[in-house]
Amino acid sequence: MRVITGTARGRKLETLEGEDVRPTTDRVKEAVFSVIQFETEGRDFLDLFAGSGQMGIEALSRGANSAVFVDSAKKSIETVKRNLNTTKLADRARVAQMDWQSFLAINSQQFDIAFLDPPYGKGILQSALQQLPAHIKKTGVILAENPLNEEILSEYGEFVLDRQYRYGKIKISTFRHKDFLV
């Protein structure tokens, strides 16, 4: 796993080991950032189920103003911190070891971009999508990664499904505020 482009381009990132971990592939990461390529610079990014932190790190490398990394697993948080140090992007990052619900309950920041890739098939994505719109700016975008066979709604609060992209057995769904659909 590596940083694709930007100030940390080419830097290798540490990954997590284990059966519960499925890092977003470079192919999917590249596709996600091509979707938001003109929306990343100067924006605030939320990596809600951070894992190794590669999505938020990619956003920072591409000029995001800040990134917040949230994960409940201690090993994930330690990996995120090491990857931030390796890429020299820690100064624009905040790392929180807590579950997503606790984070959203105490968070007052409004984000421009949120990326969600929670454990599959447990209903976590659907629950997070219901709560997340209150933390996203009207001009923002929510990106969700999930398996093709996992159903999600087409509307969460005032954010509606804009597009879906398929990559093998997974899909990336983008949600935008109903007033800002292109």
C-alpha atoms as a PDB file:
ATOM      1  CA  MET A   1       0.000   0.000   0.000  1.00  0.00           C
ATOM      2  CA  ARG A   2       1.333   3.422  -0.940  1.00  0.00           C
ATOM      3  CA  VAL A   3       0.371   7.072  -1.230  1.00  0.00           C
ATOM      4  CA  ILE A   4      -0.654   7.608  -4.848  1.00  0.00           C
ATOM      5  CA  THR A   5       0.054  11.303  -5.390  1.00  0.00           C
ATOM      6  CA  GLY A   6       0.702  14.629  -3.726  1.00  0.00           C
ATOM      7  CA  THR A   7       3.337  15.670  -1.205  1.00  0.00           C
ATOM      8  CA  ALA A   8       3.775  12.126   0.170  1.00  0.00           C
ATOM      9  CA  ARG A   9       3.629  10.439  -3.241  1.00  0.00           C
ATOM     10  CA  GLY A  10       5.143   6.980  -3.356  1.00  0.00           C
ATOM     11  CA  ARG A  11       5.594   6.610   0.406  1.00  0.00           C
ATOM     12  CA  LYS A  12       4.794   3.096   1.591  1.00  0.00           C
ATOM     13  CA  LEU A  13       2.159   2.791   4.263  1.00  0.00           C
ATOM     14  CA  GLU A  14       2.003   0.184   6.962  1.00  0.00           C
ATOM     15  CA  THR A  15      -1.001  -2.137   6.800  1.00  0.00           C
ATOM     16  CA  LEU A  16      -2.858  -4.052   9.457  1.00  0.00           C
ATOM     17  CA  GLU A  17      -2.748  -7.811   9.689  1.00  0.00           C
ATOM     18  CA  GLY A  18      -5.684 -10.070  10.447  1.00  0.00           C
ATOM     19  CA  GLU A  19      -8.870 -11.538   9.064  1.00  0.00           C
ATOM     20  CA  ASP A  20     -11.041  -8.593  10.124  1.00  0.00           C
ATOM     21  CA  VAL A  21      -8.999  -6.165   8.035  1.00  0.00           C
ATOM     22  CA  ARG A  22      -9.596  -5.368   4.358  1.00  0.00           C
ATOM     23  CA  PRO A  23      -7.596  -2.377   3.257  1.00  0.00           C
ATOM     24  CA  THR A  24      -9.092  -0.387   0.405  1.00  0.00           C
ATOM     25  CA  THR A  25      -7.184  -1.445  -2.701  1.00  0.00           C
ATOM     26  CA  ASP A  26      -5.002   1.065  -4.552  1.00  0.00           C
ATOM     27  CA  ARG A  27      -7.375   0.710  -7.529  1.00  0.00           C
ATOM     28  CA  VAL A  28     -10.405   1.702  -5.458  1.00  0.00           C
ATOM     29  CA  LYS A  29      -8.481   4.445  -3.624  1.00  0.00           C
ATOM     30  CA  GLU A  30      -7.411   5.926  -6.954  1.00  0.00           C
ATOM     31  CA  ALA A  31     -10.997   5.790  -8.205  1.00  0.00           C
ATOM     32  CA  VAL A  32     -12.345   7.482  -5.055  1.00  0.00           C
ATOM     33  CA  PHE A  33      -9.876  10.320  -5.376  1.00  0.00           C
ATOM     34  CA  SER A  34     -10.611  10.769  -9.060  1.00  0.00           C
ATOM     35  CA  VAL A  35     -14.271  11.314  -8.079  1.00  0.00           C
ATOM     36  CA  ILE A  36     -13.319  14.043  -5.571  1.00  0.00           C
ATOM     37  CA  GLN A  37     -10.116  15.283  -7.225  1.00  0.00           C
ATOM     38  CA  PHE A  38     -11.286  18.906  -7.415  1.00  0.00           C
ATOM     39  CA  GLU A  39     -12.930  18.822  -3.974  1.00  0.00           C
ATOM     40  CA  THR A  40      -9.990  17.746  -1.792  1.00  0.00           C
ATOM     41  CA  GLU A  41      -7.581  20.675  -1.660  1.00  0.00           C
ATOM     42  CA  GLY A  42      -8.175  22.965   1.309  1.00  0.00           C
ATOM     43  CA  ARG A  43     -10.989  20.776   2.656  1.00  0.00           C
ATOM     44  CA  ASP A  44     -11.545  18.952   5.959  1.00  0.00           C
ATOM     45  CA  PHE A  45     -11.621  15.152   5.636  1.00  0.00           C
ATOM     46  CA  LEU A  46     -13.108  12.551   8.006  1.00  0.00           C
ATOM     47  CA  ASP A  47     -11.788   8.980   7.861  1.00  0.00           C
ATOM     48  CA  LEU A  48     -14.423   7.459  10.148  1.00  0.00           C
ATOM     49  CA  PHE A  49     -13.302   3.809  10.194  1.00  0.00           C
ATOM     50  CA  ALA A  50      -9.657   4.643   9.632  1.00  0.00           C
ATOM     51  CA  GLY A  51      -7.915   1.265   9.748  1.00  0.00           C
ATOM     52  CA  SER A  52      -4.383   2.138   8.582  1.00  0.00           C
ATOM     53  CA  GLY A  53      -5.418   5.712   7.770  1.00  0.00           C
ATOM     54  CA  GLN A  54      -4.588   5.439   4.085  1.00  0.00           C
ATOM     55  CA  MET A  55      -7.658   7.343   2.825  1.00  0.00           C
ATOM     56  CA  GLY A  56      -7.173  10.338   5.113  1.00  0.00           C
ATOM     57  CA  ILE A  57      -3.431  10.321   4.430  1.00  0.00           C
ATOM     58  CA  GLU A  58      -4.096  10.344   0.690  1.00  0.00           C
ATOM     59  CA  ALA A  59      -6.419  13.336   1.205  1.00  0.00           C
ATOM     60  CA  LEU A  60      -3.750  15.188   3.206  1.00  0.00           C
ATOM     61  CA  SER A  61      -1.113  14.380   0.592  1.00  0.00           C
ATOM     62  CA  ARG A  62      -3.435  15.862  -2.049  1.00  0.00           C
ATOM     63  CA  GLY A  63      -3.797  19.122  -0.138  1.00  0.00           C
ATOM     64  CA  ALA A  64      -6.662  18.610   2.300  1.00  0.00           C
ATOM     65  CA  ASN A  65      -6.609  21.217   5.052  1.00  0.00           C
ATOM     66  CA  SER A  66      -7.031  18.612   7.798  1.00  0.00           C
ATOM     67  CA  ALA A  67      -8.007  15.009   8.409  1.00  0.00           C
ATOM     68  CA  VAL A  68      -9.569  13.328  11.401  1.00  0.00           C
ATOM     69  CA  PHE A  69      -8.932   9.601  11.817  1.00  0.00           C
ATOM     70  CA  VAL A  70     -11.354   7.628  13.974  1.00  0.00           C
ATOM     71  CA  ASP A  71     -11.050   3.947  14.846  1.00  0.00           C
ATOM     72  CA  SER A  72     -11.893   1.946  17.959  1.00  0.00           C
ATOM     73  CA  ALA A  73      -8.981  -0.501  17.616  1.00  0.00           C
ATOM     74  CA  LYS A  74      -5.739   0.397  19.383  1.00  0.00           C
ATOM     75  CA  LYS A  75      -3.672  -1.375  16.687  1.00  0.00           C
ATOM     76  CA  SER A  76      -5.355   0.710  13.995  1.00  0.00           C
ATOM     77  CA  ILE A  77      -4.687   3.967  15.802  1.00  0.00           C
ATOM     78  CA  GLU A  78      -1.024   3.050  16.373  1.00  0.00           C
ATOM     79  CA  THR A  79      -0.703   2.240  12.655  1.00  0.00           C
ATOM     80  CA  VAL A  80      -2.359   5.531  11.646  1.00  0.00           C
ATOM     81  CA  LYS A  81       0.072   7.465  13.837  1.00  0.00           C
ATOM     82  CA  ARG A  82       3.110   5.659  12.388  1.00  0.00           C
ATOM     83  CA  ASN A  83       1.832   6.253   8.835  1.00  0.00           C
ATOM     84  CA  LEU A  84       1.266   9.940   9.569  1.00  0.00           C
ATOM     85  CA  ASN A  85       4.823  10.229  10.889  1.00  0.00           C
ATOM     86  CA  THR A  86       6.246   8.363   7.887  1.00  0.00           C
ATOM     87  CA  THR A  87       4.455  10.701   5.479  1.00  0.00           C
ATOM     88  CA  LYS A  88       5.214  13.808   7.582  1.00  0.00           C
ATOM     89  CA  LEU A  89       1.526  14.764   7.588  1.00  0.00           C
ATOM     90  CA  ALA A  90       0.820  14.495  11.330  1.00  0.00           C
ATOM     91  CA  ASP A  91       0.697  18.277  11.799  1.00  0.00           C
ATOM     92  CA  ARG A  92      -2.644  18.482   9.942  1.00  0.00           C
ATOM     93  CA  ALA A  93      -4.168  15.366  11.491  1.00  0.00           C
ATOM     94  CA  ARG A  94      -6.197  14.503  14.562  1.00  0.00           C
ATOM     95  CA  VAL A  95      -6.426  10.876  15.662  1.00  0.00           C
ATOM     96  CA  ALA A  96      -9.198   9.583  17.920  1.00  0.00           C
ATOM     97  CA  GLN A  97      -9.339   6.095  19.392  1.00  0.00           C
ATOM     98  CA  MET A  98     -13.042   5.598  19.977  1.00  0.00           C
ATOM     99  CA  ASP A  99     -16.031   4.013  18.317  1.00  0.00           C
ATOM    100  CA  TRP A 100     -17.761   5.988  15.580  1.00  0.00           C
ATOM    101  CA  GLN A 101     -20.910   6.621  17.645  1.00  0.00           C
ATOM    102  CA  SER A 102     -18.978   8.170  20.523  1.00  0.00           C
ATOM    103  CA  PHE A 103     -17.006  10.325  18.101  1.00  0.00           C
ATOM    104  CA  LEU A 104     -20.124  11.651  16.368  1.00  0.00           C
ATOM    105  CA  ALA A 105     -21.786  12.258  19.745  1.00  0.00           C
ATOM    106  CA  ILE A 106     -19.009  14.640  20.850  1.00  0.00           C
ATOM    107  CA  ASN A 107     -17.889  16.035  17.484  1.00  0.00           C
ATOM    108  CA  SER A 108     -18.767  19.633  16.677  1.00  0.00           C
ATOM    109  CA  GLN A 109     -16.675  19.967  13.497  1.00  0.00           C
ATOM    110  CA  GLN A 110     -18.344  20.112  10.087  1.00  0.00           C
ATOM    111  CA  PHE A 111     -16.479  18.141   7.400  1.00  0.00           C
ATOM    112  CA  ASP A 112     -16.293  18.631   3.647  1.00  0.00           C
ATOM    113  CA  ILE A 113     -15.583  14.974   2.865  1.00  0.00           C
ATOM    114  CA  ALA A 114     -16.247  11.813   4.844  1.00  0.00           C
ATOM    115  CA  PHE A 115     -15.081   8.325   3.910  1.00  0.00           C
ATOM    116  CA  LEU A 116     -16.708   5.292   5.529  1.00  0.00           C
ATOM    117  CA  ASP A 117     -15.508   1.702   5.196  1.00  0.00           C
ATOM    118  CA  PRO A 118     -16.798  -0.129   8.285  1.00  0.00           C
ATOM    119  CA  PRO A 119     -16.913  -3.908   8.786  1.00  0.00           C
ATOM    120  CA  TYR A 120     -19.228  -5.389   6.172  1.00  0.00           C
ATOM    121  CA  GLY A 121     -22.625  -6.958   6.776  1.00  0.00           C
ATOM    122  CA  LYS A 122     -23.197  -5.754  10.331  1.00  0.00           C
ATOM    123  CA  GLY A 123     -25.479  -2.780   9.680  1.00  0.00           C
ATOM    124  CA  ILE A 124     -22.784  -0.366  10.863  1.00  0.00           C
ATOM    125  CA  LEU A 125     -22.611   1.505   7.555  1.00  0.00           C
ATOM    126  CA  GLN A 126     -26.352   2.095   7.477  1.00  0.00           C
ATOM    127  CA  SER A 127     -26.359   3.386  11.073  1.00  0.00           C
ATOM    128  CA  ALA A 128     -23.370   5.646  10.464  1.00  0.00           C
ATOM    129  CA  LEU A 129     -24.952   7.036   7.284  1.00  0.00           C
ATOM    130  CA  GLN A 130     -28.057   7.987   9.282  1.00  0.00           C
ATOM    131  CA  GLN A 131     -26.039   9.999  11.822  1.00  0.00           C
ATOM    132  CA  LEU A 132     -23.310  11.442   9.618  1.00  0.00           C
ATOM    133  CA  PRO A 133     -25.214  14.128   7.611  1.00  0.00           C
ATOM    134  CA  ALA A 134     -25.387  16.372  10.700  1.00  0.00           C
ATOM    135  CA  HIS A 135     -21.558  16.552  10.570  1.00  0.00           C
ATOM    136  CA  ILE A 136     -21.157  17.274   6.844  1.00  0.00           C
ATOM    137  CA  LYS A 137     -21.278  20.713   5.240  1.00  0.00           C
ATOM    138  CA  LYS A 138     -24.096  21.187   2.717  1.00  0.00           C
ATOM    139  CA  THR A 139     -21.484  21.463  -0.028  1.00  0.00           C
ATOM    140  CA  GLY A 140     -19.761  18.266   1.160  1.00  0.00           C
ATOM    141  CA  VAL A 141     -19.732  14.668   0.033  1.00  0.00           C
ATOM    142  CA  ILE A 142     -20.033  11.349   1.835  1.00  0.00           C
ATOM    143  CA  LEU A 143     -18.251   8.358   0.297  1.00  0.00           C
ATOM    144  CA  ALA A 144     -19.221   4.872   1.453  1.00  0.00           C
ATOM    145  CA  GLU A 145     -17.505   1.585   0.596  1.00  0.00           C
ATOM    146  CA  ASN A 146     -19.505  -1.617   0.951  1.00  0.00           C
ATOM    147  CA  PRO A 147     -20.043  -4.999  -0.748  1.00  0.00           C
ATOM    148  CA  LEU A 148     -22.364  -5.173  -3.758  1.00  0.00           C
ATOM    149  CA  ASN A 149     -24.849  -7.365  -1.894  1.00  0.00           C
ATOM    150  CA  GLU A 150     -25.192  -5.002   1.087  1.00  0.00           C
ATOM    151  CA  GLU A 151     -28.177  -2.683   0.717  1.00  0.00           C
ATOM    152  CA  ILE A 152     -28.062   0.989   1.577  1.00  0.00           C
ATOM    153  CA  LEU A 153     -30.769   3.588   1.265  1.00  0.00           C
ATOM    154  CA  SER A 154     -30.778   6.263  -1.410  1.00  0.00           C
ATOM    155  CA  GLU A 155     -31.289   9.063   1.135  1.00  0.00           C
ATOM    156  CA  TYR A 156     -29.919   9.832   4.597  1.00  0.00           C
ATOM    157  CA  GLY A 157     -31.204  13.070   6.055  1.00  0.00           C
ATOM    158  CA  GLU A 158     -30.792  15.708   3.360  1.00  0.00           C
ATOM    159  CA  PHE A 159     -27.997  13.748   1.662  1.00  0.00           C
ATOM    160  CA  VAL A 160     -29.073  11.666  -1.311  1.00  0.00           C
ATOM    161  CA  LEU A 161     -27.328   9.031  -3.365  1.00  0.00           C
ATOM    162  CA  ASP A 162     -25.537  10.764  -6.211  1.00  0.00           C
ATOM    163  CA  ARG A 163     -23.593   7.946  -7.891  1.00  0.00           C
ATOM    164  CA  GLN A 164     -22.387   4.401  -7.382  1.00  0.00           C
ATOM    165  CA  TYR A 165     -19.210   2.899  -8.766  1.00  0.00           C
ATOM    166  CA  ARG A 166     -18.524  -0.845  -8.891  1.00  0.00           C
ATOM    167  CA  TYR A 167     -15.104  -2.417  -8.448  1.00  0.00           C
ATOM    168  CA  GLY A 168     -15.208  -6.196  -8.381  1.00  0.00           C
ATOM    169  CA  LYS A 169     -17.243  -7.239  -5.346  1.00  0.00           C
ATOM    170  CA  ILE A 170     -17.496  -3.792  -3.785  1.00  0.00           C
ATOM    171  CA  LYS A 171     -19.139  -0.492  -4.581  1.00  0.00           C
ATOM    172  CA  ILE A 172     -18.433   3.103  -3.692  1.00  0.00           C
ATOM    173  CA  SER A 173     -21.506   5.268  -3.180  1.00  0.00           C
ATOM    174  CA  THR A 174     -21.396   9.057  -3.120  1.00  0.00           C
ATOM    175  CA  PHE A 175     -23.985  11.080  -1.244  1.00  0.00           C
ATOM    176  CA  ARG A 176     -24.477  14.830  -1.686  1.00  0.00           C
ATOM    177  CA  HIS A 177     -26.858  17.335  -0.156  1.00  0.00           C
ATOM    178  CA  LYS A 178     -30.105  17.464  -2.157  1.00  0.00           C
ATOM    179  CA  ASP A 179     -29.563  21.188  -2.832  1.00  0.00           C
ATOM    180  CA  PHE A 180     -26.098  20.602  -4.331  1.00  0.00           C
ATOM    181  CA  LEU A 181     -26.614  17.685  -6.717  1.00  0.00           C
ATOM    182  CA  VAL A 182     -24.920  18.306 -10.045  1.00  0.00           C
END
